[in-house]
C-alpha atoms as a PDB file:
ATOM      1  CA  MET A   1      61.465 -44.300 -15.946  1.00  0.00           C
ATOM      2  CA  LYS A   2      60.943 -41.167 -18.095  1.00  0.00           C
ATOM      3  CA  PHE A   3      57.550 -40.026 -19.311  1.00  0.00           C
ATOM      4  CA  SER A   4      56.322 -37.662 -22.031  1.00  0.00           C
ATOM      5  CA  SER A   5      52.977 -36.243 -23.106  1.00  0.00           C
ATOM      6  CA  ARG A   6      51.152 -35.243 -26.285  1.00  0.00           C
ATOM      7  CA  GLU A   7      47.863 -33.672 -27.237  1.00  0.00           C
ATOM      8  CA  ALA A   8      44.990 -36.171 -27.120  1.00  0.00           C
ATOM      9  CA  LEU A   9      43.738 -36.652 -30.699  1.00  0.00           C
ATOM     10  CA  PRO A  10      41.416 -39.287 -32.228  1.00  0.00           C
ATOM     11  CA  GLY A  11      43.128 -42.338 -33.653  1.00  0.00           C
ATOM     12  CA  GLY A  12      44.563 -45.628 -32.557  1.00  0.00           C
ATOM     13  CA  ARG A  13      41.472 -46.441 -30.487  1.00  0.00           C
ATOM     14  CA  ARG A  14      41.322 -49.911 -28.920  1.00  0.00           C
ATOM     15  CA  LEU A  15      38.253 -51.810 -30.020  1.00  0.00           C
ATOM     16  CA  ARG A  16      37.295 -54.832 -27.900  1.00  0.00           C
ATOM     17  CA  LEU A  17      33.905 -56.240 -28.989  1.00  0.00           C
ATOM     18  CA  GLY A  18      32.368 -59.027 -26.960  1.00  0.00           C
ATOM     19  CA  ILE A  19      29.654 -61.293 -28.368  1.00  0.00           C
ATOM     20  CA  GLY A  20      28.065 -63.803 -26.001  1.00  0.00           C
ATOM     21  CA  GLY A  21      25.244 -66.267 -26.275  1.00  0.00           C
ATOM     22  CA  PRO A  22      24.095 -69.859 -25.745  1.00  0.00           C
ATOM     23  CA  SER A  23      24.248 -72.545 -28.405  1.00  0.00           C
ATOM     24  CA  ARG A  24      22.646 -71.645 -31.737  1.00  0.00           C
ATOM     25  CA  SER A  25      22.645 -67.919 -30.994  1.00  0.00           C
ATOM     26  CA  GLY A  26      24.838 -67.085 -33.989  1.00  0.00           C
ATOM     27  CA  LYS A  27      28.029 -65.938 -32.217  1.00  0.00           C
ATOM     28  CA  THR A  28      30.558 -67.240 -34.753  1.00  0.00           C
ATOM     29  CA  TYR A  29      28.584 -66.154 -37.827  1.00  0.00           C
ATOM     30  CA  SER A  30      27.858 -62.687 -36.391  1.00  0.00           C
ATOM     31  CA  SER A  31      31.477 -62.193 -35.374  1.00  0.00           C
ATOM     32  CA  LEU A  32      32.648 -63.052 -38.892  1.00  0.00           C
ATOM     33  CA  ARG A  33      30.165 -60.633 -40.423  1.00  0.00           C
ATOM     34  CA  VAL A  34      31.321 -57.675 -38.328  1.00  0.00           C
ATOM     35  CA  ALA A  35      34.972 -58.736 -38.700  1.00  0.00           C
ATOM     36  CA  THR A  36      34.538 -58.721 -42.479  1.00  0.00           C
ATOM     37  CA  GLY A  37      33.372 -55.114 -42.356  1.00  0.00           C
ATOM     38  CA  ILE A  38      36.298 -54.146 -40.076  1.00  0.00           C
ATOM     39  CA  ALA A  39      38.817 -55.913 -42.368  1.00  0.00           C
ATOM     40  CA  GLN A  40      37.357 -54.121 -45.409  1.00  0.00           C
ATOM     41  CA  GLY A  41      37.628 -50.804 -43.641  1.00  0.00           C
ATOM     42  CA  LEU A  42      41.239 -51.440 -42.635  1.00  0.00           C
ATOM     43  CA  ASN A  43      42.161 -53.223 -45.894  1.00  0.00           C
ATOM     44  CA  GLY A  44      43.561 -56.316 -44.194  1.00  0.00           C
ATOM     45  CA  LYS A  45      42.951 -59.917 -43.170  1.00  0.00           C
ATOM     46  CA  ILE A  46      40.788 -61.562 -40.503  1.00  0.00           C
ATOM     47  CA  TYR A  47      42.551 -63.981 -38.200  1.00  0.00           C
ATOM     48  CA  VAL A  48      40.254 -66.413 -36.282  1.00  0.00           C
ATOM     49  CA  ILE A  49      41.668 -68.125 -33.191  1.00  0.00           C
ATOM     50  CA  ASP A  50      39.477 -71.211 -33.195  1.00  0.00           C
ATOM     51  CA  THR A  51      39.339 -73.157 -29.897  1.00  0.00           C
ATOM     52  CA  ASP A  52      36.343 -75.241 -30.985  1.00  0.00           C
ATOM     53  CA  ASN A  53      37.891 -77.970 -33.197  1.00  0.00           C
ATOM     54  CA  GLU A  54      37.828 -75.707 -36.278  1.00  0.00           C
ATOM     55  CA  PHE A  55      34.095 -75.044 -36.041  1.00  0.00           C
ATOM     56  CA  SER A  56      34.657 -71.703 -37.857  1.00  0.00           C
ATOM     57  CA  LEU A  57      35.443 -73.662 -41.042  1.00  0.00           C
ATOM     58  CA  ASP A  58      31.680 -74.224 -41.384  1.00  0.00           C
ATOM     59  CA  TYR A  59      31.607 -70.641 -42.638  1.00  0.00           C
ATOM     60  CA  ALA A  60      34.666 -70.781 -44.916  1.00  0.00           C
ATOM     61  CA  ASP A  61      32.366 -70.595 -47.979  1.00  0.00           C
ATOM     62  CA  ASP A  62      30.813 -67.383 -46.685  1.00  0.00           C
ATOM     63  CA  PHE A  63      33.815 -65.485 -45.358  1.00  0.00           C
ATOM     64  CA  LYS A  64      37.486 -65.099 -46.122  1.00  0.00           C
ATOM     65  CA  PHE A  65      39.768 -65.514 -43.123  1.00  0.00           C
ATOM     66  CA  GLU A  66      42.897 -67.126 -41.726  1.00  0.00           C
ATOM     67  CA  ILE A  67      42.291 -69.813 -39.113  1.00  0.00           C
ATOM     68  CA  VAL A  68      44.555 -70.497 -36.146  1.00  0.00           C
ATOM     69  CA  ASP A  69      43.690 -73.939 -34.776  1.00  0.00           C
ATOM     70  CA  PHE A  70      44.025 -73.627 -30.960  1.00  0.00           C
ATOM     71  CA  GLN A  71      44.045 -76.991 -29.186  1.00  0.00           C
ATOM     72  CA  PRO A  72      44.255 -77.652 -25.418  1.00  0.00           C
ATOM     73  CA  PRO A  73      45.576 -76.810 -22.935  1.00  0.00           C
ATOM     74  CA  PHE A  74      43.567 -73.584 -22.861  1.00  0.00           C
ATOM     75  CA  THR A  75      45.814 -71.679 -20.478  1.00  0.00           C
ATOM     76  CA  PRO A  76      45.949 -67.889 -20.341  1.00  0.00           C
ATOM     77  CA  GLU A  77      49.569 -68.139 -21.459  1.00  0.00           C
ATOM     78  CA  ASN A  78      48.555 -70.033 -24.618  1.00  0.00           C
ATOM     79  CA  TYR A  79      45.760 -67.558 -25.319  1.00  0.00           C
ATOM     80  CA  LEU A  80      48.324 -64.764 -25.098  1.00  0.00           C
ATOM     81  CA  ALA A  81      50.693 -66.613 -27.472  1.00  0.00           C
ATOM     82  CA  ALA A  82      47.863 -67.176 -29.986  1.00  0.00           C
ATOM     83  CA  VAL A  83      46.923 -63.488 -30.009  1.00  0.00           C
ATOM     84  CA  GLN A  84      50.593 -62.519 -30.249  1.00  0.00           C
ATOM     85  CA  TYR A  85      50.984 -64.816 -33.273  1.00  0.00           C
ATOM     86  CA  CYS A  86      48.100 -63.033 -35.035  1.00  0.00           C
ATOM     87  CA  VAL A  87      49.552 -59.616 -34.246  1.00  0.00           C
ATOM     88  CA  ASP A  88      52.964 -60.626 -35.575  1.00  0.00           C
ATOM     89  CA  ALA A  89      51.349 -62.084 -38.707  1.00  0.00           C
ATOM     90  CA  GLY A  90      49.823 -58.688 -39.515  1.00  0.00           C
ATOM     91  CA  ALA A  91      46.158 -59.349 -38.782  1.00  0.00           C
ATOM     92  CA  ALA A  92      43.805 -56.440 -39.388  1.00  0.00           C
ATOM     93  CA  VAL A  93      41.235 -57.821 -36.958  1.00  0.00           C
ATOM     94  CA  ILE A  94      41.436 -60.778 -34.571  1.00  0.00           C
ATOM     95  CA  VAL A  95      38.475 -62.999 -33.636  1.00  0.00           C
ATOM     96  CA  VAL A  96      38.817 -65.245 -30.586  1.00  0.00           C
ATOM     97  CA  ASP A  97      36.214 -68.018 -30.960  1.00  0.00           C
ATOM     98  CA  HIS A  98      35.897 -68.493 -28.112  1.00  0.00           C
ATOM     99  CA  MET A  99      37.188 -67.154 -24.784  1.00  0.00           C
ATOM    100  CA  THR A 100      35.136 -69.449 -22.538  1.00  0.00           C
ATOM    101  CA  HIS A 101      37.660 -72.278 -22.790  1.00  0.00           C
ATOM    102  CA  GLU A 102      40.215 -70.170 -20.925  1.00  0.00           C
ATOM    103  CA  HIS A 103      37.922 -70.419 -17.911  1.00  0.00           C
ATOM    104  CA  THR A 104      36.182 -73.821 -18.153  1.00  0.00           C
ATOM    105  CA  GLY A 105      38.077 -75.711 -20.863  1.00  0.00           C
ATOM    106  CA  GLN A 106      40.695 -78.426 -20.717  1.00  0.00           C
ATOM    107  CA  GLY A 107      43.747 -76.919 -19.005  1.00  0.00           C
ATOM    108  CA  GLY A 108      41.781 -73.747 -18.323  1.00  0.00           C
ATOM    109  CA  ILE A 109      41.724 -71.721 -15.096  1.00  0.00           C
ATOM    110  CA  LEU A 110      39.232 -73.849 -13.183  1.00  0.00           C
ATOM    111  CA  GLU A 111      41.015 -77.134 -13.986  1.00  0.00           C
ATOM    112  CA  ARG A 112      44.413 -75.695 -13.243  1.00  0.00           C
ATOM    113  CA  GLN A 113      43.255 -74.280  -9.894  1.00  0.00           C
ATOM    114  CA  GLN A 114      42.094 -77.722  -8.816  1.00  0.00           C
ATOM    115  CA  GLU A 115      45.394 -79.320  -9.828  1.00  0.00           C
ATOM    116  CA  ILE A 116      47.532 -76.684  -8.141  1.00  0.00           C
ATOM    117  CA  GLU A 117      45.392 -76.780  -4.980  1.00  0.00           C
ATOM    118  CA  GLY A 118      46.008 -80.533  -4.626  1.00  0.00           C
ATOM    119  CA  GLN A 119      49.740 -80.179  -5.411  1.00  0.00           C
ATOM    120  CA  LEU A 120      50.214 -77.422  -2.828  1.00  0.00           C
ATOM    121  CA  ALA A 121      48.250 -79.325  -0.172  1.00  0.00           C
ATOM    122  CA  GLU A 122      50.504 -82.336  -0.652  1.00  0.00           C
ATOM    123  CA  LYS A 123      53.645 -80.211  -0.766  1.00  0.00           C
ATOM    124  CA  TRP A 124      52.759 -78.176   2.345  1.00  0.00           C
ATOM    125  CA  LYS A 125      51.220 -81.206   4.108  1.00  0.00           C
ATOM    126  CA  THR A 126      47.989 -79.340   4.833  1.00  0.00           C
ATOM    127  CA  THR A 127      44.336 -79.320   3.764  1.00  0.00           C
ATOM    128  CA  ARG A 128      43.151 -78.159   0.341  1.00  0.00           C
ATOM    129  CA  ASP A 129      41.171 -75.320   1.914  1.00  0.00           C
ATOM    130  CA  LYS A 130      44.365 -73.704   3.167  1.00  0.00           C
ATOM    131  CA  THR A 131      45.889 -73.702  -0.317  1.00  0.00           C
ATOM    132  CA  LYS A 132      42.919 -72.143  -2.162  1.00  0.00           C
ATOM    133  CA  ALA A 133      44.195 -68.565  -2.145  1.00  0.00           C
ATOM    134  CA  ALA A 134      47.649 -69.542  -3.340  1.00  0.00           C
ATOM    135  CA  SER A 135      46.288 -71.887  -5.991  1.00  0.00           C
ATOM    136  CA  TRP A 136      43.936 -69.218  -7.392  1.00  0.00           C
ATOM    137  CA  ASN A 137      46.793 -66.744  -7.478  1.00  0.00           C
ATOM    138  CA  GLU A 138      48.926 -69.140  -9.505  1.00  0.00           C
ATOM    139  CA  ALA A 139      46.156 -70.466 -11.743  1.00  0.00           C
ATOM    140  CA  LYS A 140      44.292 -67.242 -12.527  1.00  0.00           C
ATOM    141  CA  THR A 141      45.380 -63.948 -10.962  1.00  0.00           C
ATOM    142  CA  ILE A 142      48.911 -63.838 -12.369  1.00  0.00           C
ATOM    143  CA  PRO A 143      48.586 -65.525 -15.833  1.00  0.00           C
ATOM    144  CA  HIS A 144      45.139 -64.112 -16.637  1.00  0.00           C
ATOM    145  CA  GLY A 145      46.244 -60.693 -15.468  1.00  0.00           C
ATOM    146  CA  LYS A 146      49.177 -60.793 -17.898  1.00  0.00           C
ATOM    147  CA  PHE A 147      46.826 -61.864 -20.709  1.00  0.00           C
ATOM    148  CA  VAL A 148      44.418 -58.995 -19.982  1.00  0.00           C
ATOM    149  CA  SER A 149      47.307 -56.541 -19.786  1.00  0.00           C
ATOM    150  CA  TYR A 150      48.545 -57.691 -23.192  1.00  0.00           C
ATOM    151  CA  VAL A 151      45.220 -57.648 -25.093  1.00  0.00           C
ATOM    152  CA  THR A 152      44.338 -54.193 -23.794  1.00  0.00           C
ATOM    153  CA  ARG A 153      47.483 -52.926 -25.560  1.00  0.00           C
ATOM    154  CA  VAL A 154      46.952 -54.746 -28.854  1.00  0.00           C
ATOM    155  CA  LYS A 155      46.290 -52.106 -31.546  1.00  0.00           C
ATOM    156  CA  GLN A 156      44.244 -54.358 -33.840  1.00  0.00           C
ATOM    157  CA  PRO A 157      40.480 -54.499 -33.268  1.00  0.00           C
ATOM    158  CA  MET A 158      39.560 -57.687 -31.396  1.00  0.00           C
ATOM    159  CA  ILE A 159      36.306 -59.653 -31.195  1.00  0.00           C
ATOM    160  CA  PHE A 160      35.817 -62.112 -28.333  1.00  0.00           C
ATOM    161  CA  ASN A 161      33.084 -64.717 -28.485  1.00  0.00           C
ATOM    162  CA  PHE A 162      31.759 -66.153 -25.210  1.00  0.00           C
ATOM    163  CA  ARG A 163      29.466 -69.045 -24.512  1.00  0.00           C
ATOM    164  CA  ALA A 164      26.698 -67.916 -22.158  1.00  0.00           C
ATOM    165  CA  LYS A 165      24.763 -69.608 -19.368  1.00  0.00           C
ATOM    166  CA  ASP A 166      21.258 -69.021 -18.050  1.00  0.00           C
ATOM    167  CA  LYS A 167      21.086 -66.239 -15.518  1.00  0.00           C
ATOM    168  CA  ILE A 168      18.765 -67.506 -12.816  1.00  0.00           C
ATOM    169  CA  LYS A 169      17.459 -65.790  -9.698  1.00  0.00           C
ATOM    170  CA  ILE A 170      15.545 -67.403  -6.847  1.00  0.00           C
ATOM    171  CA  ALA A 171      12.759 -65.196  -5.624  1.00  0.00           C
ATOM    172  CA  LYS A 172       9.580 -65.499  -3.600  1.00  0.00           C
ATOM    173  CA  ASP A 173       6.307 -65.341  -5.542  1.00  0.00           C
ATOM    174  CA  PRO A 174       4.314 -62.556  -3.848  1.00  0.00           C
ATOM    175  CA  LYS A 175       1.050 -64.356  -4.595  1.00  0.00           C
ATOM    176  CA  THR A 176       1.897 -67.885  -3.384  1.00  0.00           C
ATOM    177  CA  GLY A 177       4.783 -67.140  -1.051  1.00  0.00           C
ATOM    178  CA  LYS A 178       6.780 -69.959  -2.609  1.00  0.00           C
ATOM    179  CA  GLN A 179      10.360 -69.738  -3.893  1.00  0.00           C
ATOM    180  CA  GLU A 180      10.627 -69.889  -7.682  1.00  0.00           C
ATOM    181  CA  TRP A 181      13.336 -69.863 -10.352  1.00  0.00           C
ATOM    182  CA  ILE A 182      13.209 -66.793 -12.571  1.00  0.00           C
ATOM    183  CA  HIS A 183      15.105 -66.719 -15.871  1.00  0.00           C
ATOM    184  CA  MET A 184      16.794 -63.328 -16.277  1.00  0.00           C
ATOM    185  CA  GLY A 185      18.506 -63.937 -19.591  1.00  0.00           C
ATOM    186  CA  TYR A 186      22.129 -64.993 -20.218  1.00  0.00           C
ATOM    187  CA  THR A 187      25.525 -64.097 -18.848  1.00  0.00           C
ATOM    188  CA  PRO A 188      28.890 -64.738 -20.549  1.00  0.00           C
ATOM    189  CA  ILE A 189      31.062 -67.564 -19.212  1.00  0.00           C
ATOM    190  CA  CYS A 190      34.564 -66.248 -18.713  1.00  0.00           C
ATOM    191  CA  ALA A 191      37.106 -65.366 -16.096  1.00  0.00           C
ATOM    192  CA  GLU A 192      35.673 -63.027 -13.505  1.00  0.00           C
ATOM    193  CA  GLN A 193      35.087 -59.498 -14.865  1.00  0.00           C
ATOM    194  CA  PHE A 194      36.902 -60.126 -18.174  1.00  0.00           C
ATOM    195  CA  ASP A 195      33.693 -59.060 -19.962  1.00  0.00           C
ATOM    196  CA  TYR A 196      34.144 -55.640 -18.324  1.00  0.00           C
ATOM    197  CA  GLU A 197      37.160 -55.063 -20.606  1.00  0.00           C
ATOM    198  CA  MET A 198      34.866 -54.949 -23.665  1.00  0.00           C
ATOM    199  CA  THR A 199      34.081 -51.688 -25.427  1.00  0.00           C
ATOM    200  CA  ALA A 200      30.692 -53.253 -26.144  1.00  0.00           C
ATOM    201  CA  MET A 201      29.271 -56.522 -24.819  1.00  0.00           C
ATOM    202  CA  LEU A 202      26.459 -57.908 -26.984  1.00  0.00           C
ATOM    203  CA  ILE A 203      24.361 -60.834 -25.790  1.00  0.00           C
ATOM    204  CA  LEU A 204      22.601 -62.907 -28.455  1.00  0.00           C
ATOM    205  CA  PRO A 205      19.597 -65.049 -27.507  1.00  0.00           C
ATOM    206  CA  PRO A 206      18.982 -68.380 -29.310  1.00  0.00           C
ATOM    207  CA  ASN A 207      18.113 -67.983 -32.995  1.00  0.00           C
ATOM    208  CA  SER A 208      18.836 -64.262 -32.752  1.00  0.00           C
ATOM    209  CA  GLU A 209      19.690 -63.662 -36.416  1.00  0.00           C
ATOM    210  CA  GLY A 210      22.417 -61.365 -35.110  1.00  0.00           C
ATOM    211  CA  TYR A 211      20.164 -59.056 -33.090  1.00  0.00           C
ATOM    212  CA  PRO A 212      21.366 -58.495 -29.525  1.00  0.00           C
ATOM    213  CA  ASP A 213      19.171 -58.681 -26.441  1.00  0.00           C
ATOM    214  CA  LYS A 214      18.665 -55.016 -25.604  1.00  0.00           C
ATOM    215  CA  GLU A 215      18.113 -55.653 -21.896  1.00  0.00           C
ATOM    216  CA  LEU A 216      21.304 -57.693 -21.387  1.00  0.00           C
ATOM    217  CA  SER A 217      23.731 -56.031 -23.788  1.00  0.00           C
ATOM    218  CA  GLU A 218      25.777 -52.931 -23.089  1.00  0.00           C
ATOM    219  CA  ILE A 219      27.608 -50.350 -25.217  1.00  0.00           C
ATOM    220  CA  ARG A 220      30.125 -48.005 -23.636  1.00  0.00           C
ATOM    221  CA  LYS A 221      29.752 -44.287 -24.275  1.00  0.00           C
ATOM    222  CA  PRO A 222      32.489 -43.951 -26.970  1.00  0.00           C
ATOM    223  CA  LEU A 223      30.496 -46.227 -29.311  1.00  0.00           C
ATOM    224  CA  ARG A 224      26.928 -45.141 -28.618  1.00  0.00           C
ATOM    225  CA  SER A 225      26.804 -42.653 -31.452  1.00  0.00           C
ATOM    226  CA  ILE A 226      27.813 -45.225 -34.121  1.00  0.00           C
ATOM    227  CA  MET A 227      26.025 -48.394 -32.972  1.00  0.00           C
ATOM    228  CA  HIS A 228      22.905 -49.247 -31.065  1.00  0.00           C
ATOM    229  CA  LEU A 229      21.276 -52.356 -29.670  1.00  0.00           C
ATOM    230  CA  ASP A 230      18.405 -52.387 -32.186  1.00  0.00           C
ATOM    231  CA  GLU A 231      20.605 -53.168 -35.197  1.00  0.00           C
ATOM    232  CA  GLN A 232      21.909 -56.433 -36.556  1.00  0.00           C
ATOM    233  CA  ILE A 233      25.570 -57.312 -36.175  1.00  0.00           C
ATOM    234  CA  ASN A 234      26.767 -57.132 -39.795  1.00  0.00           C
ATOM    235  CA  GLU A 235      29.397 -55.907 -42.248  1.00  0.00           C
ATOM    236  CA  GLU A 236      28.126 -52.326 -42.330  1.00  0.00           C
ATOM    237  CA  LEU A 237      28.497 -52.069 -38.555  1.00  0.00           C
ATOM    238  CA  GLY A 238      32.021 -53.450 -38.932  1.00  0.00           C
ATOM    239  CA  GLN A 239      32.967 -50.677 -41.370  1.00  0.00           C
ATOM    240  CA  ARG A 240      31.739 -48.030 -38.914  1.00  0.00           C
ATOM    241  CA  LEU A 241      33.732 -49.659 -36.096  1.00  0.00           C
ATOM    242  CA  ALA A 242      36.851 -49.751 -38.329  1.00  0.00           C
ATOM    243  CA  ALA A 243      36.538 -46.009 -39.031  1.00  0.00           C
ATOM    244  CA  TRP A 244      36.102 -45.289 -35.318  1.00  0.00           C
ATOM    245  CA  ALA A 245      39.147 -47.395 -34.395  1.00  0.00           C
ATOM    246  CA  ALA A 246      41.261 -45.618 -37.028  1.00  0.00           C
ATOM    247  CA  GLY A 247      40.277 -42.185 -35.700  1.00  0.00           C
ATOM    248  CA  ALA A 248      38.155 -41.198 -38.714  1.00  0.00           C
ATOM    249  CA  GLN A 249      34.670 -39.774 -38.398  1.00  0.00           C
ATOM    250  CA  PRO A 250      32.368 -42.842 -38.783  1.00  0.00           C
ATOM    251  CA  LYS A 251      28.800 -42.670 -39.977  1.00  0.00           C
ATOM    252  CA  ALA A 252      26.196 -42.427 -37.263  1.00  0.00           C
ATOM    253  CA  ALA A 253      24.183 -45.529 -36.475  1.00  0.00           C
ATOM    254  CA  PRO A 254      21.062 -45.676 -38.701  1.00  0.00           C
ATOM    255  CA  PRO A 255      17.870 -44.534 -36.980  1.00  0.00           C
ATOM    256  CA  VAL A 256      15.517 -47.244 -35.807  1.00  0.00           C
ATOM    257  CA  ALA A 257      11.802 -46.712 -36.125  1.00  0.00           C
ATOM    258  CA  GLN A 258      10.127 -47.152 -32.781  1.00  0.00           C
ATOM    259  CA  PRO A 259       6.477 -48.223 -32.582  1.00  0.00           C
ATOM    260  CA  PRO A 260       4.199 -45.776 -30.712  1.00  0.00           C
ATOM    261  CA  VAL A 261       3.619 -46.721 -27.101  1.00  0.00           C
ATOM    262  CA  ASP A 262       1.043 -45.507 -24.620  1.00  0.00           C
ATOM    263  CA  PRO A 263       2.610 -43.362 -21.940  1.00  0.00           C
ATOM    264  CA  LEU A 264       2.780 -45.098 -18.572  1.00  0.00           C
ATOM    265  CA  PRO A 265       2.140 -43.149 -15.391  1.00  0.00           C
ATOM    266  CA  ASP A 266       5.106 -42.659 -13.083  1.00  0.00           C
ATOM    267  CA  ARG A 267       2.914 -42.412 -10.007  1.00  0.00           C
ATOM    268  CA  ALA A 268       0.049 -44.702  -9.017  1.00  0.00           C
ATOM    269  CA  GLN A 269      -3.487 -43.508  -9.508  1.00  0.00           C
ATOM    270  CA  ASP A 270      -7.005 -44.481  -8.466  1.00  0.00           C
ATOM    271  CA  GLY A 271      -6.046 -46.176  -5.206  1.00  0.00           C
ATOM    272  CA  ALA A 272      -3.224 -48.320  -6.655  1.00  0.00           C
ATOM    273  CA  VAL A 273      -0.147 -49.165  -4.588  1.00  0.00           C
ATOM    274  CA  PRO A 274       2.005 -46.021  -4.447  1.00  0.00           C
ATOM    275  CA  THR A 275       5.187 -45.961  -6.494  1.00  0.00           C
ATOM    276  CA  ILE A 276       8.551 -44.566  -5.496  1.00  0.00           C
ATOM    277  CA  THR A 277       9.655 -40.979  -6.005  1.00  0.00           C
ATOM    278  CA  ALA A 278      11.735 -39.713  -8.919  1.00  0.00           C
ATOM    279  CA  ASP A 279      14.701 -39.174  -6.584  1.00  0.00           C
ATOM    280  CA  GLU A 280      14.473 -42.769  -5.334  1.00  0.00           C
ATOM    281  CA  ALA A 281      14.379 -44.029  -8.933  1.00  0.00           C
ATOM    282  CA  LEU A 282      17.432 -41.935  -9.904  1.00  0.00           C
ATOM    283  CA  ALA A 283      19.323 -43.131  -6.829  1.00  0.00           C
ATOM    284  CA  LEU A 284      18.613 -46.801  -7.713  1.00  0.00           C
ATOM    285  CA  GLU A 285      19.742 -46.289 -11.290  1.00  0.00           C
ATOM    286  CA  ALA A 286      22.921 -44.542 -10.147  1.00  0.00           C
ATOM    287  CA  ARG A 287      23.696 -47.404  -7.762  1.00  0.00           C
ATOM    288  CA  CYS A 288      23.276 -49.964 -10.523  1.00  0.00           C
ATOM    289  CA  THR A 289      25.484 -48.015 -12.916  1.00  0.00           C
ATOM    290  CA  ASP A 290      28.193 -47.372 -10.296  1.00  0.00           C
ATOM    291  CA  ASN A 291      28.429 -51.075  -9.516  1.00  0.00           C
ATOM    292  CA  ALA A 292      28.249 -52.397 -13.140  1.00  0.00           C
ATOM    293  CA  ILE A 293      24.779 -53.958 -12.588  1.00  0.00           C
ATOM    294  CA  LYS A 294      22.659 -53.934 -15.745  1.00  0.00           C
ATOM    295  CA  THR A 295      19.563 -51.786 -15.153  1.00  0.00           C
ATOM    296  CA  GLY A 296      17.694 -53.677 -17.854  1.00  0.00           C
ATOM    297  CA  ALA A 297      18.027 -56.958 -15.951  1.00  0.00           C
ATOM    298  CA  VAL A 298      16.736 -55.323 -12.729  1.00  0.00           C
ATOM    299  CA  LYS A 299      13.728 -53.804 -14.549  1.00  0.00           C
ATOM    300  CA  LYS A 300      13.027 -57.165 -16.199  1.00  0.00           C
ATOM    301  CA  PHE A 301      13.136 -58.956 -12.868  1.00  0.00           C
ATOM    302  CA  PHE A 302      10.582 -56.593 -11.316  1.00  0.00           C
ATOM    303  CA  LYS A 303       8.518 -56.420 -14.521  1.00  0.00           C
ATOM    304  CA  VAL A 304       8.661 -52.647 -14.925  1.00  0.00           C
ATOM    305  CA  GLU A 305       9.749 -50.470 -17.822  1.00  0.00           C
ATOM    306  CA  ARG A 306      11.037 -47.660 -15.616  1.00  0.00           C
ATOM    307  CA  PHE A 307      12.354 -47.616 -12.076  1.00  0.00           C
ATOM    308  CA  SER A 308       9.791 -44.921 -11.234  1.00  0.00           C
ATOM    309  CA  GLN A 309       7.042 -47.552 -11.640  1.00  0.00           C
ATOM    310  CA  MET A 310       8.401 -49.637  -8.756  1.00  0.00           C
ATOM    311  CA  THR A 311       6.698 -49.839  -5.395  1.00  0.00           C
ATOM    312  CA  SER A 312       8.484 -49.135  -2.120  1.00  0.00           C
ATOM    313  CA  GLN A 313       8.719 -52.892  -1.415  1.00  0.00           C
ATOM    314  CA  GLN A 314      10.208 -53.540  -4.856  1.00  0.00           C
ATOM    315  CA  LEU A 315      12.731 -50.758  -4.211  1.00  0.00           C
ATOM    316  CA  ALA A 316      13.735 -52.371  -0.927  1.00  0.00           C
ATOM    317  CA  ASP A 317      14.002 -55.787  -2.616  1.00  0.00           C
ATOM    318  CA  ALA A 318      16.143 -54.280  -5.442  1.00  0.00           C
ATOM    319  CA  HIS A 319      18.627 -52.772  -2.989  1.00  0.00           C
ATOM    320  CA  ALA A 320      18.725 -56.088  -1.119  1.00  0.00           C
ATOM    321  CA  MET A 321      19.549 -57.920  -4.367  1.00  0.00           C
ATOM    322  CA  ILE A 322      22.335 -55.415  -5.106  1.00  0.00           C
ATOM    323  CA  ASP A 323      23.708 -55.901  -1.585  1.00  0.00           C
ATOM    324  CA  THR A 324      23.737 -59.679  -2.140  1.00  0.00           C
ATOM    325  CA  THR A 325      25.426 -59.318  -5.543  1.00  0.00           C
ATOM    326  CA  LEU A 326      28.126 -57.047  -4.150  1.00  0.00           C
ATOM    327  CA  ALA A 327      28.724 -59.401  -1.239  1.00  0.00           C
ATOM    328  CA  GLU A 328      29.108 -62.349  -3.652  1.00  0.00           C
ATOM    329  CA  ARG A 329      31.596 -60.345  -5.728  1.00  0.00           C
ATOM    330  CA  ARG A 330      33.665 -59.482  -2.642  1.00  0.00           C
ATOM    331  CA  ALA A 331      33.647 -63.142  -1.559  1.00  0.00           C
ATOM    332  CA  LYS A 332      34.915 -64.237  -4.982  1.00  0.00           C
ATOM    333  CA  GLU A 333      37.624 -61.568  -5.034  1.00  0.00           C
ATOM    334  CA  ALA A 334      38.801 -62.698  -1.601  1.00  0.00           C
ATOM    335  CA  VAL A 335      39.331 -66.274  -2.843  1.00  0.00           C
END
């Protein structure tokens, strides 16, 4: 294989926008708003891959788009074929509404893994436990990997909608000593780590009116100058994203007025429980960032606005939670 090089210049950037949320959070409507702005900026058509029995047609009076009715089975191979159809048809922007069916839907990864596990156990005359690794490889690793490899090379901007589930953590109440369920927001339902492929992942709470949850959403550095988590997902944002994707100089995100807040002390005073040092706070933040753990969710769990307000016990508990999360990830990857 021969290779060549060229000077790195702006242009042809790959935009992958993820929008997640529970029912009635406004995912479909918000994605059509931002897609409309992108299509206007690129002077082309929106193609919506609808996996939800043509639910997007509820908004046909509000937006102009082409619909691709995607029926089961929701295999990674069929998702790839649907996206490829839109690319070949000349779409300016592609909306996948939604990606969750690839994981949990009829014929999706979870269902296929169970089927293949049983088939291999019968074929090899062994227990299902001994066929898990092979069944996951056939149901997810290979076909989903090919799908991810394809969509990361698609030149058209893409918007992926995800259903989201409650993110729950079991923790001990320091006052009562009892275990309790703590709601930490929402997490997108999709194949493991697919949401990491997004240039920005915006989580919408119920009845959000298109405003993301700032603690749970994330924007990668290339987009931080042209969008922020305080603004509504709308057509104007879409036009800025289209300019960025095309290599033009997009407008900066509009400033958001912040209400004045009283400064909070970083160190405890007047006999209060001592808080951690600045170095300890920076180390915790760096560990979260390095391991793709949302700092906002950790702060929300411990009810602090800054890591420097945490106590030594909270710091130890935070590192223990990270250790548990990383161990769970390794266990899943080993399956």
